[in-house]
Amino acid sequence: SMEKAIGDKVVTYDFARLMEGAKEVKCSAFGQAMIERM
C-alpha cells in the first residue's frame, strides 16, 4: 500500500520535494492514502 501511494504521487514533504507532480500531504493523510490502497 505504501508503494501504491508513492506510485500515485501522494506523498509527504520529504518525498514531494524530490518528485515532480507530487501531491504533498500530511502524515495522517499519507496514512489514510495507504489504508485506501490496501
N, C-alpha and C. Protein backbone atom coordinates (compact mmCIF):
# COMPACT_ATOMS: atom_id res chain seq x y z
N SER A 1 0.82 -1.20 0.00
CA SER A 1 0.00 0.00 0.00
C SER A 1 0.86 1.26 0.00
N MET A 2 2.02 1.22 0.67
CA MET A 2 2.90 2.39 0.65
C MET A 2 3.43 2.62 -0.76
N GLU A 3 3.80 1.54 -1.42
CA GLU A 3 4.31 1.67 -2.79
C GLU A 3 3.24 2.24 -3.72
N LYS A 4 1.99 1.83 -3.52
CA LYS A 4 0.90 2.34 -4.36
C LYS A 4 0.69 3.83 -4.14
N ALA A 5 0.72 4.26 -2.87
CA ALA A 5 0.54 5.68 -2.57
C ALA A 5 1.67 6.50 -3.19
N ILE A 6 2.90 6.02 -3.05
CA ILE A 6 4.03 6.73 -3.63
C ILE A 6 3.93 6.72 -5.16
N GLY A 7 3.53 5.59 -5.72
CA GLY A 7 3.34 5.49 -7.16
C GLY A 7 2.28 6.45 -7.68
N ASP A 8 1.28 6.70 -6.86
CA ASP A 8 0.22 7.65 -7.21
C ASP A 8 0.63 9.09 -6.90
N LYS A 9 1.85 9.26 -6.41
CA LYS A 9 2.43 10.57 -6.07
C LYS A 9 1.66 11.30 -4.97
N VAL A 10 1.12 10.53 -4.04
CA VAL A 10 0.51 11.09 -2.83
C VAL A 10 1.53 10.83 -1.73
N VAL A 11 2.29 11.87 -1.37
CA VAL A 11 3.45 11.67 -0.51
C VAL A 11 3.61 12.81 0.50
N THR A 12 4.43 12.55 1.51
CA THR A 12 4.76 13.58 2.50
C THR A 12 5.87 14.47 1.95
N TYR A 13 6.15 15.54 2.67
CA TYR A 13 7.10 16.57 2.22
C TYR A 13 8.43 15.98 1.77
N ASP A 14 8.98 15.04 2.55
CA ASP A 14 10.31 14.52 2.23
C ASP A 14 10.38 13.88 0.85
N PHE A 15 9.31 13.21 0.43
CA PHE A 15 9.27 12.65 -0.92
C PHE A 15 8.86 13.70 -1.94
N ALA A 16 7.90 14.54 -1.58
CA ALA A 16 7.35 15.52 -2.53
C ALA A 16 8.42 16.46 -3.06
N ARG A 17 9.38 16.82 -2.22
CA ARG A 17 10.42 17.75 -2.68
C ARG A 17 11.35 17.11 -3.70
N LEU A 18 11.31 15.79 -3.81
CA LEU A 18 12.17 15.07 -4.75
C LEU A 18 11.43 14.60 -6.01
N MET A 19 10.11 14.80 -6.04
CA MET A 19 9.29 14.27 -7.13
C MET A 19 8.58 15.40 -7.87
N GLU A 20 8.52 15.29 -9.19
CA GLU A 20 7.74 16.24 -9.98
C GLU A 20 6.29 15.81 -9.99
N GLY A 21 5.39 16.76 -9.84
CA GLY A 21 3.96 16.48 -9.93
C GLY A 21 3.37 15.76 -8.74
N ALA A 22 4.09 15.73 -7.63
CA ALA A 22 3.59 15.03 -6.45
C ALA A 22 2.59 15.89 -5.69
N LYS A 23 1.65 15.22 -5.03
CA LYS A 23 0.70 15.90 -4.16
C LYS A 23 1.21 15.74 -2.73
N GLU A 24 1.65 16.85 -2.12
CA GLU A 24 2.18 16.81 -0.76
C GLU A 24 1.03 16.77 0.24
N VAL A 25 1.09 15.80 1.16
CA VAL A 25 0.06 15.66 2.18
C VAL A 25 0.71 15.51 3.55
N LYS A 26 -0.07 15.71 4.60
CA LYS A 26 0.41 15.50 5.97
C LYS A 26 0.55 14.01 6.22
N CYS A 27 1.28 13.66 7.27
CA CYS A 27 1.49 12.25 7.60
C CYS A 27 0.17 11.50 7.78
N SER A 28 -0.80 12.14 8.44
CA SER A 28 -2.09 11.48 8.65
C SER A 28 -2.79 11.20 7.33
N ALA A 29 -2.70 12.12 6.39
CA ALA A 29 -3.31 11.92 5.07
C ALA A 29 -2.57 10.84 4.29
N PHE A 30 -1.26 10.76 4.46
CA PHE A 30 -0.49 9.71 3.80
C PHE A 30 -0.91 8.35 4.36
N GLY A 31 -1.09 8.27 5.67
CA GLY A 31 -1.57 7.03 6.28
C GLY A 31 -2.93 6.64 5.74
N GLN A 32 -3.81 7.61 5.60
CA GLN A 32 -5.14 7.34 5.05
C GLN A 32 -5.04 6.87 3.60
N ALA A 33 -4.15 7.48 2.84
CA ALA A 33 -3.95 7.07 1.44
C ALA A 33 -3.47 5.62 1.37
N MET A 34 -2.61 5.22 2.30
CA MET A 34 -2.14 3.83 2.32
C MET A 34 -3.29 2.89 2.66
N ILE A 35 -4.11 3.26 3.64
CA ILE A 35 -5.25 2.42 4.02
C ILE A 35 -6.19 2.24 2.84
N GLU A 36 -6.45 3.32 2.11
CA GLU A 36 -7.35 3.25 0.95
C GLU A 36 -6.80 2.35 -0.15
N ARG A 37 -5.50 2.14 -0.17
CA ARG A 37 -4.88 1.34 -1.23
C ARG A 37 -4.60 -0.09 -0.79
N MET A 38 -5.05 -0.48 0.37
CA MET A 38 -4.84 -1.85 0.86
C MET A 38 -5.84 -2.81 0.23
